Amino acid sequence: MAGTKKSTTPQTNARGIPYAPFIDNVTDYVTTRADVEPTLRSFQEMISKYQFMEVNTQRRATGLREKIPDIKKTLEMVRFLNVRRKNPDPLQTNFELNDTLYARATVDPVHADEVYLWLGANVMLAYPIDEAQAMLAEKLTTAEVSLGHCDEDLEFLREQITTMEVATARVYNWDVVQRRKDKAEGKDDDAGKGPSGG
């Protein structure tokens, strides 16, 4: 029966988050009652790690959900400017300076060869329109893929947390049953020792 050694490398999802161990038979997993406390402690630790990852992933997903509409809006504007470059008529527009503050401007799209984009951390760079359009399209695709990964990871993490909570309950219940058995056997042993002891 040798050679059926289990792999010690934990399986992970596509982003490297490990699968929670599924306990098919508690007796195989916890051989003695002395193993119960360390096992329950390690399960709680794993649940805490999964919950920590869940919070971070939710935060990242929220950031992406806020960022994606801004990228889309900017990309639409760059595409619009690119199309309008062929039209010689000046373009009257209002542009946002702040949440409630707008300025009126006249733009000559024919001579608009570049756009200025905020990159974050108070950094603005000038890009040729075609380059800006390609960069924003790539950024949008990357953000949407990342958001999809976040949603997949959140679902995966919830499943792992549930698996660990079920495993914790099963080990705890196994321990309760073992304690009752030990107590019952202890009483039977004491009763059996009486007549033959001596």
N, C-alpha and C. Protein backbone atom coordinates (compact mmCIF):
# COMPACT_ATOMS: atom_id res chain seq x y z
N MET A 1 0.83 -1.20 0.00
CA MET A 1 0.00 0.00 0.00
C MET A 1 0.87 1.26 0.00
N ALA A 2 2.18 1.09 -0.15
CA ALA A 2 3.07 2.25 -0.18
C ALA A 2 2.94 2.92 -1.54
N GLY A 3 3.40 4.17 -1.60
CA GLY A 3 3.39 4.89 -2.86
C GLY A 3 2.17 5.77 -3.07
N THR A 4 1.26 5.84 -2.11
CA THR A 4 0.07 6.70 -2.24
C THR A 4 0.24 7.98 -1.42
N LYS A 5 1.47 8.48 -1.39
CA LYS A 5 1.75 9.69 -0.61
C LYS A 5 1.08 10.90 -1.27
N LYS A 6 0.42 11.72 -0.44
CA LYS A 6 -0.27 12.90 -0.95
C LYS A 6 0.75 13.98 -1.29
N SER A 7 0.43 14.79 -2.30
CA SER A 7 1.29 15.91 -2.69
C SER A 7 1.27 16.98 -1.60
N THR A 8 2.46 17.49 -1.27
CA THR A 8 2.54 18.51 -0.22
C THR A 8 2.42 19.92 -0.80
N THR A 9 2.47 20.03 -2.14
CA THR A 9 2.33 21.34 -2.78
C THR A 9 0.86 21.73 -2.80
N PRO A 10 0.50 22.85 -2.12
CA PRO A 10 -0.91 23.23 -2.10
C PRO A 10 -1.36 23.73 -3.48
N GLN A 11 -2.57 23.34 -3.88
CA GLN A 11 -3.13 23.82 -5.14
C GLN A 11 -3.60 25.25 -4.96
N THR A 12 -3.48 26.04 -6.03
CA THR A 12 -3.88 27.44 -5.96
C THR A 12 -4.76 27.78 -7.16
N ASN A 13 -5.44 28.94 -7.06
CA ASN A 13 -6.18 29.42 -8.22
C ASN A 13 -5.21 30.15 -9.16
N ALA A 14 -5.72 30.76 -10.20
CA ALA A 14 -4.86 31.39 -11.22
C ALA A 14 -3.99 32.51 -10.66
N ARG A 15 -4.43 33.17 -9.58
CA ARG A 15 -3.64 34.26 -8.98
C ARG A 15 -2.85 33.80 -7.76
N GLY A 16 -2.72 32.49 -7.55
CA GLY A 16 -1.87 31.97 -6.48
C GLY A 16 -2.51 31.90 -5.11
N ILE A 17 -3.83 32.05 -5.02
CA ILE A 17 -4.51 31.91 -3.73
C ILE A 17 -4.73 30.42 -3.49
N PRO A 18 -4.26 29.90 -2.35
CA PRO A 18 -4.37 28.45 -2.12
C PRO A 18 -5.80 28.00 -1.84
N TYR A 19 -6.08 26.78 -2.30
CA TYR A 19 -7.37 26.15 -1.98
C TYR A 19 -7.37 25.76 -0.51
N ALA A 20 -8.53 25.84 0.12
CA ALA A 20 -8.68 25.37 1.50
C ALA A 20 -8.71 23.85 1.49
N PRO A 21 -8.11 23.22 2.50
CA PRO A 21 -8.15 21.75 2.53
C PRO A 21 -9.57 21.27 2.79
N PHE A 22 -10.00 20.30 1.99
CA PHE A 22 -11.32 19.71 2.21
C PHE A 22 -11.13 18.47 3.06
N ILE A 23 -11.83 18.41 4.18
CA ILE A 23 -11.70 17.28 5.09
C ILE A 23 -12.82 16.30 4.81
N ASP A 24 -12.45 15.20 4.18
CA ASP A 24 -13.42 14.16 3.87
C ASP A 24 -13.71 13.32 5.11
N ASN A 25 -12.65 12.97 5.82
CA ASN A 25 -12.77 12.14 7.02
C ASN A 25 -11.98 12.80 8.15
N VAL A 26 -12.67 13.30 9.15
CA VAL A 26 -12.01 14.02 10.25
C VAL A 26 -11.04 13.11 10.98
N THR A 27 -11.38 11.84 11.15
CA THR A 27 -10.51 10.90 11.88
C THR A 27 -9.16 10.74 11.18
N ASP A 28 -9.16 10.80 9.85
CA ASP A 28 -7.88 10.72 9.12
C ASP A 28 -7.08 12.00 9.29
N TYR A 29 -7.76 13.12 9.43
CA TYR A 29 -7.09 14.42 9.52
C TYR A 29 -6.61 14.70 10.95
N VAL A 30 -7.44 14.36 11.93
CA VAL A 30 -7.11 14.57 13.34
C VAL A 30 -7.02 13.19 13.98
N THR A 31 -5.81 12.72 14.22
CA THR A 31 -5.65 11.35 14.71
C THR A 31 -5.90 11.23 16.21
N THR A 32 -5.53 12.25 16.97
CA THR A 32 -5.76 12.22 18.42
C THR A 32 -6.41 13.52 18.86
N ARG A 33 -6.96 13.49 20.07
CA ARG A 33 -7.60 14.70 20.60
C ARG A 33 -6.57 15.80 20.85
N ALA A 34 -5.30 15.42 21.02
CA ALA A 34 -4.24 16.42 21.21
C ALA A 34 -4.05 17.27 19.95
N ASP A 35 -4.45 16.72 18.79
CA ASP A 35 -4.31 17.45 17.52
C ASP A 35 -5.43 18.47 17.31
N VAL A 36 -6.49 18.40 18.11
CA VAL A 36 -7.68 19.22 17.86
C VAL A 36 -7.39 20.72 18.01
N GLU A 37 -6.81 21.12 19.13
CA GLU A 37 -6.56 22.55 19.38
C GLU A 37 -5.65 23.16 18.31
N PRO A 38 -4.47 22.54 18.02
CA PRO A 38 -3.63 23.12 16.96
C PRO A 38 -4.34 23.17 15.61
N THR A 39 -5.15 22.14 15.31
CA THR A 39 -5.87 22.12 14.03
C THR A 39 -6.88 23.25 13.97
N LEU A 40 -7.66 23.43 15.03
CA LEU A 40 -8.65 24.52 15.06
C LEU A 40 -7.97 25.88 14.97
N ARG A 41 -6.80 26.01 15.66
CA ARG A 41 -6.05 27.27 15.60
C ARG A 41 -5.57 27.55 14.17
N SER A 42 -5.05 26.51 13.51
CA SER A 42 -4.56 26.71 12.14
C SER A 42 -5.71 27.04 11.19
N PHE A 43 -6.89 26.43 11.43
CA PHE A 43 -8.07 26.74 10.60
C PHE A 43 -8.49 28.19 10.77
N GLN A 44 -8.50 28.67 12.02
CA GLN A 44 -8.88 30.06 12.29
C GLN A 44 -7.88 31.01 11.63
N GLU A 45 -6.61 30.63 11.67
CA GLU A 45 -5.57 31.44 11.04
C GLU A 45 -5.80 31.52 9.53
N MET A 46 -6.14 30.38 8.92
CA MET A 46 -6.41 30.35 7.48
C MET A 46 -7.64 31.19 7.14
N ILE A 47 -8.69 31.09 7.96
CA ILE A 47 -9.90 31.90 7.74
C ILE A 47 -9.53 33.39 7.79
N SER A 48 -8.71 33.77 8.78
CA SER A 48 -8.29 35.17 8.91
C SER A 48 -7.52 35.63 7.69
N LYS A 49 -6.64 34.77 7.17
CA LYS A 49 -5.86 35.12 5.97
C LYS A 49 -6.79 35.30 4.76
N TYR A 50 -7.73 34.37 4.61
CA TYR A 50 -8.69 34.48 3.50
C TYR A 50 -9.51 35.77 3.62
N GLN A 51 -9.94 36.10 4.85
CA GLN A 51 -10.74 37.31 5.06
C GLN A 51 -9.91 38.57 4.76
N PHE A 52 -8.63 38.54 5.13
CA PHE A 52 -7.73 39.66 4.85
C PHE A 52 -7.59 39.84 3.33
N MET A 53 -7.40 38.72 2.61
CA MET A 53 -7.30 38.78 1.15
C MET A 53 -8.60 39.27 0.54
N GLU A 54 -9.73 38.86 1.12
CA GLU A 54 -11.04 39.27 0.62
C GLU A 54 -11.21 40.78 0.73
N VAL A 55 -10.83 41.35 1.89
CA VAL A 55 -10.95 42.80 2.10
C VAL A 55 -10.07 43.55 1.10
N ASN A 56 -8.82 43.09 0.92
CA ASN A 56 -7.92 43.75 -0.03
C ASN A 56 -8.43 43.65 -1.46
N THR A 57 -8.98 42.50 -1.82
CA THR A 57 -9.50 42.31 -3.18
C THR A 57 -10.73 43.18 -3.39
N GLN A 58 -11.60 43.28 -2.38
CA GLN A 58 -12.77 44.16 -2.49
C GLN A 58 -12.34 45.61 -2.68
N ARG A 59 -11.30 46.01 -1.94
CA ARG A 59 -10.79 47.39 -2.04
C ARG A 59 -10.25 47.65 -3.45
N ARG A 60 -9.49 46.66 -3.97
CA ARG A 60 -8.93 46.81 -5.32
C ARG A 60 -10.06 46.88 -6.36
N ALA A 61 -11.09 46.03 -6.20
CA ALA A 61 -12.22 46.02 -7.13
C ALA A 61 -12.97 47.35 -7.09
N THR A 62 -13.15 47.90 -5.89
CA THR A 62 -13.83 49.21 -5.75
C THR A 62 -13.04 50.29 -6.48
N GLY A 63 -11.72 50.28 -6.31
CA GLY A 63 -10.86 51.26 -6.99
C GLY A 63 -10.97 51.14 -8.50
N LEU A 64 -11.00 49.91 -9.00
CA LEU A 64 -11.12 49.69 -10.44
C LEU A 64 -12.49 50.14 -10.95
N ARG A 65 -13.54 49.87 -10.17
CA ARG A 65 -14.89 50.29 -10.59
C ARG A 65 -15.00 51.81 -10.66
N GLU A 66 -14.24 52.51 -9.82
CA GLU A 66 -14.23 53.97 -9.87
C GLU A 66 -13.37 54.48 -11.04
N LYS A 67 -12.28 53.77 -11.32
CA LYS A 67 -11.32 54.21 -12.34
C LYS A 67 -11.81 53.95 -13.76
N ILE A 68 -12.48 52.83 -13.98
CA ILE A 68 -12.88 52.43 -15.34
C ILE A 68 -13.76 53.48 -16.04
N PRO A 69 -14.79 54.04 -15.38
CA PRO A 69 -15.59 55.08 -16.07
C PRO A 69 -14.76 56.30 -16.47
N ASP A 70 -13.77 56.68 -15.63
CA ASP A 70 -12.91 57.82 -15.97
C ASP A 70 -12.07 57.51 -17.20
N ILE A 71 -11.52 56.30 -17.26
CA ILE A 71 -10.70 55.91 -18.42
C ILE A 71 -11.57 55.92 -19.68
N LYS A 72 -12.79 55.36 -19.57
CA LYS A 72 -13.71 55.32 -20.71
C LYS A 72 -14.03 56.73 -21.21
N LYS A 73 -14.32 57.62 -20.25
CA LYS A 73 -14.68 59.00 -20.60
C LYS A 73 -13.50 59.69 -21.31
N THR A 74 -12.31 59.50 -20.78
CA THR A 74 -11.11 60.11 -21.38
C THR A 74 -10.85 59.54 -22.76
N LEU A 75 -10.99 58.22 -22.90
CA LEU A 75 -10.78 57.56 -24.20
C LEU A 75 -11.78 58.06 -25.23
N GLU A 76 -13.05 58.22 -24.83
CA GLU A 76 -14.07 58.73 -25.74
C GLU A 76 -13.73 60.14 -26.22
N MET A 77 -13.21 60.96 -25.30
CA MET A 77 -12.85 62.34 -25.65
C MET A 77 -11.67 62.36 -26.62
N VAL A 78 -10.67 61.50 -26.37
CA VAL A 78 -9.50 61.45 -27.27
C VAL A 78 -9.94 60.97 -28.65
N ARG A 79 -10.82 59.97 -28.69
CA ARG A 79 -11.33 59.48 -29.99
C ARG A 79 -12.11 60.58 -30.72
N PHE A 80 -12.92 61.33 -29.94
CA PHE A 80 -13.70 62.42 -30.51
C PHE A 80 -12.77 63.48 -31.13
N LEU A 81 -11.71 63.84 -30.38
CA LEU A 81 -10.75 64.83 -30.90
C LEU A 81 -10.07 64.32 -32.16
N ASN A 82 -9.76 63.05 -32.16
CA ASN A 82 -9.09 62.44 -33.31
C ASN A 82 -9.98 62.52 -34.55
N VAL A 83 -11.28 62.24 -34.38
CA VAL A 83 -12.23 62.32 -35.49
C VAL A 83 -12.41 63.77 -35.94
N ARG A 84 -12.49 64.69 -34.98
CA ARG A 84 -12.72 66.12 -35.29
C ARG A 84 -11.52 66.80 -35.95
N ARG A 85 -10.35 66.17 -35.92
CA ARG A 85 -9.16 66.77 -36.55
C ARG A 85 -9.37 66.96 -38.04
N LYS A 86 -10.28 66.18 -38.62
CA LYS A 86 -10.54 66.27 -40.06
C LYS A 86 -11.51 67.42 -40.39
N ASN A 87 -12.15 67.96 -39.36
CA ASN A 87 -13.14 69.03 -39.55
C ASN A 87 -12.47 70.37 -39.22
N PRO A 88 -12.45 71.34 -40.16
CA PRO A 88 -11.74 72.61 -39.93
C PRO A 88 -12.47 73.57 -38.97
N ASP A 89 -13.74 73.32 -38.68
CA ASP A 89 -14.50 74.23 -37.81
C ASP A 89 -14.00 74.14 -36.37
N PRO A 90 -13.83 75.32 -35.70
CA PRO A 90 -13.43 75.30 -34.29
C PRO A 90 -14.51 74.64 -33.42
N LEU A 91 -14.09 74.14 -32.34
CA LEU A 91 -14.98 73.38 -31.44
C LEU A 91 -15.16 74.16 -30.15
N GLN A 92 -16.41 74.52 -29.83
CA GLN A 92 -16.71 75.19 -28.56
C GLN A 92 -16.99 74.11 -27.51
N THR A 93 -16.36 74.22 -26.36
CA THR A 93 -16.57 73.20 -25.34
C THR A 93 -16.43 73.77 -23.93
N ASN A 94 -16.99 73.08 -23.00
CA ASN A 94 -16.77 73.36 -21.58
C ASN A 94 -15.93 72.21 -21.04
N PHE A 95 -14.90 72.54 -20.29
CA PHE A 95 -14.12 71.45 -19.71
C PHE A 95 -14.05 71.61 -18.20
N GLU A 96 -13.97 70.50 -17.54
CA GLU A 96 -14.07 70.45 -16.08
C GLU A 96 -12.74 70.81 -15.44
N LEU A 97 -12.77 71.80 -14.57
CA LEU A 97 -11.59 72.16 -13.78
C LEU A 97 -11.65 71.49 -12.42
N ASN A 98 -12.88 71.38 -11.91
CA ASN A 98 -13.11 70.76 -10.61
C ASN A 98 -14.51 70.15 -10.66
N ASP A 99 -14.95 69.51 -9.59
CA ASP A 99 -16.25 68.86 -9.59
C ASP A 99 -17.39 69.82 -9.98
N THR A 100 -17.30 71.07 -9.55
CA THR A 100 -18.38 72.02 -9.82
C THR A 100 -17.91 73.23 -10.63
N LEU A 101 -16.69 73.17 -11.15
CA LEU A 101 -16.13 74.33 -11.85
C LEU A 101 -15.75 73.95 -13.28
N TYR A 102 -16.35 74.66 -14.25
CA TYR A 102 -16.08 74.41 -15.67
C TYR A 102 -15.58 75.69 -16.32
N ALA A 103 -14.80 75.54 -17.39
CA ALA A 103 -14.32 76.68 -18.16
C ALA A 103 -14.71 76.48 -19.62
N ARG A 104 -15.04 77.60 -20.29
CA ARG A 104 -15.39 77.53 -21.71
C ARG A 104 -14.10 77.70 -22.52
N ALA A 105 -14.01 76.91 -23.61
CA ALA A 105 -12.82 76.99 -24.44
C ALA A 105 -13.19 76.78 -25.90
N THR A 106 -12.36 77.35 -26.76
CA THR A 106 -12.47 77.10 -28.20
C THR A 106 -11.27 76.29 -28.61
N VAL A 107 -11.53 75.14 -29.18
CA VAL A 107 -10.45 74.24 -29.58
C VAL A 107 -10.42 74.16 -31.09
N ASP A 108 -9.23 74.29 -31.63
CA ASP A 108 -9.06 74.12 -33.07
C ASP A 108 -8.55 72.69 -33.29
N PRO A 109 -9.45 71.73 -33.55
CA PRO A 109 -9.05 70.32 -33.62
C PRO A 109 -8.01 70.01 -34.69
N VAL A 110 -7.99 70.82 -35.77
CA VAL A 110 -7.03 70.57 -36.85
C VAL A 110 -5.60 70.66 -36.33
N HIS A 111 -5.36 71.58 -35.40
CA HIS A 111 -4.01 71.79 -34.86
C HIS A 111 -3.80 71.06 -33.52
N ALA A 112 -4.78 70.28 -33.11
CA ALA A 112 -4.63 69.53 -31.85
C ALA A 112 -3.90 68.22 -32.15
N ASP A 113 -2.58 68.28 -32.01
CA ASP A 113 -1.76 67.10 -32.30
C ASP A 113 -1.51 66.25 -31.07
N GLU A 114 -1.72 66.85 -29.90
CA GLU A 114 -1.45 66.09 -28.67
C GLU A 114 -2.47 66.43 -27.60
N VAL A 115 -2.56 65.55 -26.63
CA VAL A 115 -3.45 65.75 -25.48
C VAL A 115 -2.62 65.59 -24.21
N TYR A 116 -3.09 66.21 -23.16
CA TYR A 116 -2.42 66.11 -21.86
C TYR A 116 -3.26 65.21 -20.96
N LEU A 117 -2.65 64.20 -20.42
CA LEU A 117 -3.37 63.23 -19.59
C LEU A 117 -2.81 63.21 -18.18
N TRP A 118 -3.73 63.20 -17.20
CA TRP A 118 -3.33 63.02 -15.80
C TRP A 118 -2.98 61.56 -15.60
N LEU A 119 -1.81 61.31 -15.06
CA LEU A 119 -1.40 59.93 -14.77
C LEU A 119 -1.56 59.60 -13.30
N GLY A 120 -1.91 60.59 -12.50
CA GLY A 120 -2.04 60.39 -11.06
C GLY A 120 -0.85 60.98 -10.34
N ALA A 121 -0.96 61.12 -9.03
CA ALA A 121 0.10 61.68 -8.19
C ALA A 121 0.57 63.04 -8.72
N ASN A 122 -0.40 63.86 -9.17
CA ASN A 122 -0.13 65.21 -9.70
C ASN A 122 0.85 65.21 -10.88
N VAL A 123 0.78 64.17 -11.71
CA VAL A 123 1.64 64.07 -12.89
C VAL A 123 0.77 64.14 -14.13
N MET A 124 1.14 65.06 -15.05
CA MET A 124 0.43 65.18 -16.33
C MET A 124 1.47 65.08 -17.44
N LEU A 125 1.16 64.29 -18.46
CA LEU A 125 2.07 64.14 -19.59
C LEU A 125 1.35 64.44 -20.90
N ALA A 126 2.11 64.96 -21.86
CA ALA A 126 1.57 65.22 -23.20
C ALA A 126 1.80 63.98 -24.05
N TYR A 127 0.76 63.56 -24.76
CA TYR A 127 0.84 62.41 -25.66
C TYR A 127 0.33 62.82 -27.03
N PRO A 128 0.96 62.34 -28.10
CA PRO A 128 0.33 62.48 -29.42
C PRO A 128 -1.02 61.77 -29.37
N ILE A 129 -2.02 62.29 -30.09
CA ILE A 129 -3.39 61.79 -29.98
C ILE A 129 -3.47 60.28 -30.26
N ASP A 130 -2.81 59.82 -31.32
CA ASP A 130 -2.87 58.38 -31.64
C ASP A 130 -2.28 57.53 -30.52
N GLU A 131 -1.16 58.01 -29.98
CA GLU A 131 -0.49 57.28 -28.89
C GLU A 131 -1.37 57.27 -27.64
N ALA A 132 -1.99 58.41 -27.35
CA ALA A 132 -2.88 58.51 -26.19
C ALA A 132 -4.06 57.55 -26.33
N GLN A 133 -4.62 57.49 -27.54
CA GLN A 133 -5.76 56.60 -27.79
C GLN A 133 -5.36 55.14 -27.57
N ALA A 134 -4.20 54.75 -28.09
CA ALA A 134 -3.73 53.37 -27.93
C ALA A 134 -3.44 53.06 -26.47
N MET A 135 -2.80 54.01 -25.78
CA MET A 135 -2.45 53.81 -24.37
C MET A 135 -3.70 53.69 -23.50
N LEU A 136 -4.70 54.56 -23.75
CA LEU A 136 -5.93 54.52 -22.96
C LEU A 136 -6.73 53.25 -23.24
N ALA A 137 -6.76 52.81 -24.50
CA ALA A 137 -7.47 51.58 -24.84
C ALA A 137 -6.84 50.38 -24.13
N GLU A 138 -5.50 50.37 -24.10
CA GLU A 138 -4.79 49.28 -23.41
C GLU A 138 -5.04 49.33 -21.90
N LYS A 139 -5.02 50.55 -21.37
CA LYS A 139 -5.26 50.75 -19.92
C LYS A 139 -6.68 50.29 -19.54
N LEU A 140 -7.65 50.60 -20.41
CA LEU A 140 -9.03 50.20 -20.16
C LEU A 140 -9.16 48.68 -20.18
N THR A 141 -8.55 48.05 -21.17
CA THR A 141 -8.60 46.58 -21.27
C THR A 141 -7.98 45.95 -20.03
N THR A 142 -6.81 46.46 -19.62
CA THR A 142 -6.11 45.93 -18.44
C THR A 142 -6.98 46.08 -17.19
N ALA A 143 -7.60 47.25 -17.03
CA ALA A 143 -8.45 47.51 -15.85
C ALA A 143 -9.66 46.58 -15.84
N GLU A 144 -10.27 46.37 -17.00
CA GLU A 144 -11.44 45.48 -17.07
C GLU A 144 -11.07 44.03 -16.79
N VAL A 145 -9.90 43.60 -17.29
CA VAL A 145 -9.43 42.23 -17.01
C VAL A 145 -9.14 42.09 -15.53
N SER A 146 -8.48 43.10 -14.94
CA SER A 146 -8.17 43.07 -13.50
C SER A 146 -9.44 43.01 -12.66
N LEU A 147 -10.46 43.77 -13.08
CA LEU A 147 -11.73 43.74 -12.35
C LEU A 147 -12.37 42.35 -12.44
N GLY A 148 -12.30 41.75 -13.61
CA GLY A 148 -12.81 40.38 -13.77
C GLY A 148 -12.08 39.40 -12.86
N HIS A 149 -10.75 39.55 -12.76
CA HIS A 149 -9.96 38.70 -11.86
C HIS A 149 -10.36 38.93 -10.40
N CYS A 150 -10.58 40.20 -10.05
CA CYS A 150 -11.00 40.52 -8.67
C CYS A 150 -12.33 39.83 -8.34
N ASP A 151 -13.29 39.90 -9.28
CA ASP A 151 -14.59 39.28 -9.05
C ASP A 151 -14.46 37.76 -8.91
N GLU A 152 -13.61 37.15 -9.75
CA GLU A 152 -13.36 35.70 -9.66
C GLU A 152 -12.73 35.36 -8.31
N ASP A 153 -11.73 36.17 -7.91
CA ASP A 153 -11.03 35.91 -6.65
C ASP A 153 -11.95 36.07 -5.44
N LEU A 154 -12.84 37.06 -5.50
CA LEU A 154 -13.78 37.25 -4.38
C LEU A 154 -14.70 36.04 -4.23
N GLU A 155 -15.18 35.54 -5.36
CA GLU A 155 -16.03 34.35 -5.31
C GLU A 155 -15.23 33.15 -4.77
N PHE A 156 -14.00 33.00 -5.26
CA PHE A 156 -13.13 31.91 -4.82
C PHE A 156 -12.85 32.02 -3.32
N LEU A 157 -12.55 33.22 -2.84
CA LEU A 157 -12.24 33.42 -1.42
C LEU A 157 -13.45 33.10 -0.54
N ARG A 158 -14.64 33.50 -0.99
CA ARG A 158 -15.85 33.18 -0.21
C ARG A 158 -16.04 31.67 -0.10
N GLU A 159 -15.77 30.96 -1.20
CA GLU A 159 -15.88 29.49 -1.18
C GLU A 159 -14.88 28.89 -0.20
N GLN A 160 -13.64 29.43 -0.20
CA GLN A 160 -12.60 28.89 0.69
C GLN A 160 -12.94 29.17 2.16
N ILE A 161 -13.47 30.36 2.42
CA ILE A 161 -13.87 30.69 3.80
C ILE A 161 -14.96 29.74 4.26
N THR A 162 -15.96 29.49 3.40
CA THR A 162 -17.04 28.56 3.74
C THR A 162 -16.49 27.16 3.99
N THR A 163 -15.57 26.70 3.13
CA THR A 163 -14.96 25.38 3.29
C THR A 163 -14.25 25.29 4.63
N MET A 164 -13.51 26.33 5.00
CA MET A 164 -12.77 26.32 6.28
C MET A 164 -13.72 26.38 7.47
N GLU A 165 -14.81 27.13 7.33
CA GLU A 165 -15.78 27.19 8.44
C GLU A 165 -16.44 25.83 8.64
N VAL A 166 -16.75 25.14 7.53
CA VAL A 166 -17.34 23.80 7.62
C VAL A 166 -16.32 22.84 8.25
N ALA A 167 -15.06 22.93 7.82
CA ALA A 167 -14.00 22.06 8.37
C ALA A 167 -13.84 22.30 9.87
N THR A 168 -13.87 23.56 10.27
CA THR A 168 -13.76 23.91 11.69
C THR A 168 -14.90 23.28 12.49
N ALA A 169 -16.12 23.41 11.97
CA ALA A 169 -17.29 22.84 12.66
C ALA A 169 -17.18 21.32 12.75
N ARG A 170 -16.70 20.68 11.68
CA ARG A 170 -16.59 19.21 11.67
C ARG A 170 -15.55 18.73 12.69
N VAL A 171 -14.40 19.43 12.75
CA VAL A 171 -13.36 19.04 13.73
C VAL A 171 -13.87 19.28 15.14
N TYR A 172 -14.54 20.41 15.35
CA TYR A 172 -15.07 20.71 16.68
C TYR A 172 -16.09 19.64 17.11
N ASN A 173 -17.00 19.31 16.19
CA ASN A 173 -18.02 18.29 16.50
C ASN A 173 -17.38 16.92 16.74
N TRP A 174 -16.34 16.59 15.96
CA TRP A 174 -15.61 15.33 16.16
C TRP A 174 -15.03 15.29 17.57
N ASP A 175 -14.47 16.43 18.00
CA ASP A 175 -13.86 16.51 19.34
C ASP A 175 -14.92 16.32 20.42
N VAL A 176 -16.10 16.91 20.24
CA VAL A 176 -17.20 16.76 21.22
C VAL A 176 -17.59 15.29 21.33
N VAL A 177 -17.74 14.60 20.18
CA VAL A 177 -18.11 13.18 20.17
C VAL A 177 -17.02 12.36 20.85
N GLN A 178 -15.74 12.67 20.58
CA GLN A 178 -14.64 11.92 21.19
C GLN A 178 -14.61 12.12 22.71
N ARG A 179 -14.87 13.33 23.15
CA ARG A 179 -14.91 13.60 24.59
C ARG A 179 -16.02 12.78 25.27
N ARG A 180 -17.18 12.72 24.60
CA ARG A 180 -18.29 11.93 25.16
C ARG A 180 -17.92 10.45 25.21
N LYS A 181 -17.29 9.96 24.14
CA LYS A 181 -16.86 8.56 24.10
C LYS A 181 -15.86 8.27 25.20
N ASP A 182 -14.86 9.16 25.33
CA ASP A 182 -13.83 8.98 26.36
C ASP A 182 -14.45 8.98 27.75
N LYS A 183 -15.41 9.87 27.94
CA LYS A 183 -16.08 9.97 29.25
C LYS A 183 -16.86 8.67 29.54
N ALA A 184 -17.58 8.20 28.50
CA ALA A 184 -18.35 6.97 28.66
C ALA A 184 -17.42 5.77 28.89
N GLU A 185 -16.34 5.70 28.12
CA GLU A 185 -15.39 4.60 28.29
C GLU A 185 -14.67 4.70 29.63
N GLY A 186 -14.40 5.90 30.07
CA GLY A 186 -13.75 6.10 31.37
C GLY A 186 -14.62 5.57 32.49
N LYS A 187 -15.93 5.81 32.39
CA LYS A 187 -16.86 5.30 33.42
C LYS A 187 -16.91 3.78 33.35
N ASP A 188 -16.97 3.23 32.13
CA ASP A 188 -17.00 1.78 31.96
C ASP A 188 -15.73 1.15 32.49
N ASP A 189 -14.57 1.80 32.23
CA ASP A 189 -13.28 1.27 32.71
C ASP A 189 -13.26 1.25 34.23
N ASP A 190 -13.75 2.37 34.84
CA ASP A 190 -13.76 2.41 36.31
C ASP A 190 -14.63 1.31 36.87
N ALA A 191 -15.78 1.06 36.19
CA ALA A 191 -16.67 0.00 36.67
C ALA A 191 -16.02 -1.36 36.50
N GLY A 192 -15.26 -1.52 35.40
CA GLY A 192 -14.62 -2.80 35.13
C GLY A 192 -13.45 -3.06 36.04
N LYS A 193 -12.78 -1.98 36.49
CA LYS A 193 -11.60 -2.16 37.33
C LYS A 193 -11.96 -2.60 38.73
N GLY A 194 -13.14 -2.23 39.18
CA GLY A 194 -13.52 -2.52 40.58
C GLY A 194 -13.38 -3.97 40.98
N PRO A 195 -14.08 -4.90 40.31
CA PRO A 195 -14.03 -6.28 40.75
C PRO A 195 -12.67 -6.95 40.53
N SER A 196 -12.00 -6.63 39.41
CA SER A 196 -10.78 -7.35 39.12
C SER A 196 -9.56 -6.67 39.70
N GLY A 197 -9.68 -5.45 40.17
CA GLY A 197 -8.49 -4.73 40.66
C GLY A 197 -7.99 -5.36 41.94
N GLY A 198 -6.70 -5.42 42.14
CA GLY A 198 -6.24 -5.89 43.41
C GLY A 198 -4.95 -6.45 43.39
